Protein backbone atom coordinates (compact mmCIF):
# COMPACT_ATOMS: atom_id res chain seq x y z
CA MET A 1 -70.97 -56.12 47.78
CA GLU A 2 -67.82 -55.88 49.53
CA GLN A 3 -67.12 -52.30 50.91
CA VAL A 4 -63.66 -51.41 52.29
CA ALA A 5 -64.06 -50.58 56.06
CA GLY A 6 -63.70 -46.69 56.34
CA SER A 7 -63.89 -45.75 52.76
CA ASN A 8 -66.91 -45.39 49.76
CA ILE A 9 -65.02 -47.70 47.43
CA VAL A 10 -66.74 -51.17 46.84
CA LYS A 11 -64.39 -53.71 45.49
CA VAL A 12 -67.09 -55.84 43.87
CA GLY A 13 -70.01 -53.55 43.13
CA ILE A 14 -72.56 -56.06 41.69
CA ASP A 15 -74.01 -59.59 42.58
CA LEU A 16 -72.26 -62.21 40.86
CA SER A 17 -74.00 -64.94 42.45
CA GLU A 18 -76.11 -65.63 39.29
CA PHE A 19 -73.25 -64.75 36.88
CA TYR A 20 -72.67 -67.77 34.35
CA LEU A 21 -69.07 -68.11 32.95
CA SER A 22 -68.79 -67.27 29.22
CA VAL A 23 -66.08 -68.62 26.79
CA GLU A 24 -66.26 -65.30 24.86
CA TRP A 25 -65.34 -62.80 27.58
CA ASP A 26 -64.22 -62.57 31.36
CA ILE A 27 -65.37 -60.11 34.15
CA LEU A 28 -61.78 -58.75 35.35
CA ALA A 29 -63.25 -56.21 37.90
CA VAL A 30 -66.31 -54.52 38.90
CA PRO A 31 -65.03 -51.53 41.15
CA ALA A 32 -68.17 -49.05 42.35
CA THR A 33 -67.86 -45.86 44.42
CA ARG A 34 -70.98 -45.45 47.08
CA ASN A 35 -72.05 -41.98 47.23
CA GLU A 36 -74.12 -41.14 50.61
CA GLU A 37 -75.78 -37.93 51.57
CA TYR A 38 -76.84 -36.68 54.85
CA TYR A 39 -80.01 -34.67 54.85
CA PRO A 40 -81.36 -32.50 58.20
CA CYS A 41 -84.44 -34.43 58.37
CA CYS A 42 -83.04 -37.83 58.70
CA THR A 43 -80.32 -39.59 60.95
CA GLU A 44 -79.62 -42.34 58.21
CA PRO A 45 -77.51 -41.42 55.00
CA TYR A 46 -79.04 -41.41 51.37
CA SER A 47 -77.24 -43.73 49.07
CA GLY A 48 -78.86 -42.40 45.84
CA LYS A 49 -76.60 -43.51 42.69
C-alpha cells in the first residue's frame, strides 16, 4: 500500500500483486482511508478498519 506522507489517504488500498488482468473489466482506482486510534494504554496507534 502506498500512503501519502502526512495524510491518512492511501492511493492504492489493496495488494494488487496477484491481480490478473481481465478483458471484461478494469480496476481504475482503489483509494482507501487509514483510520488510527490512540489509547491511553499503548504508545502505538491502533488501526481498526
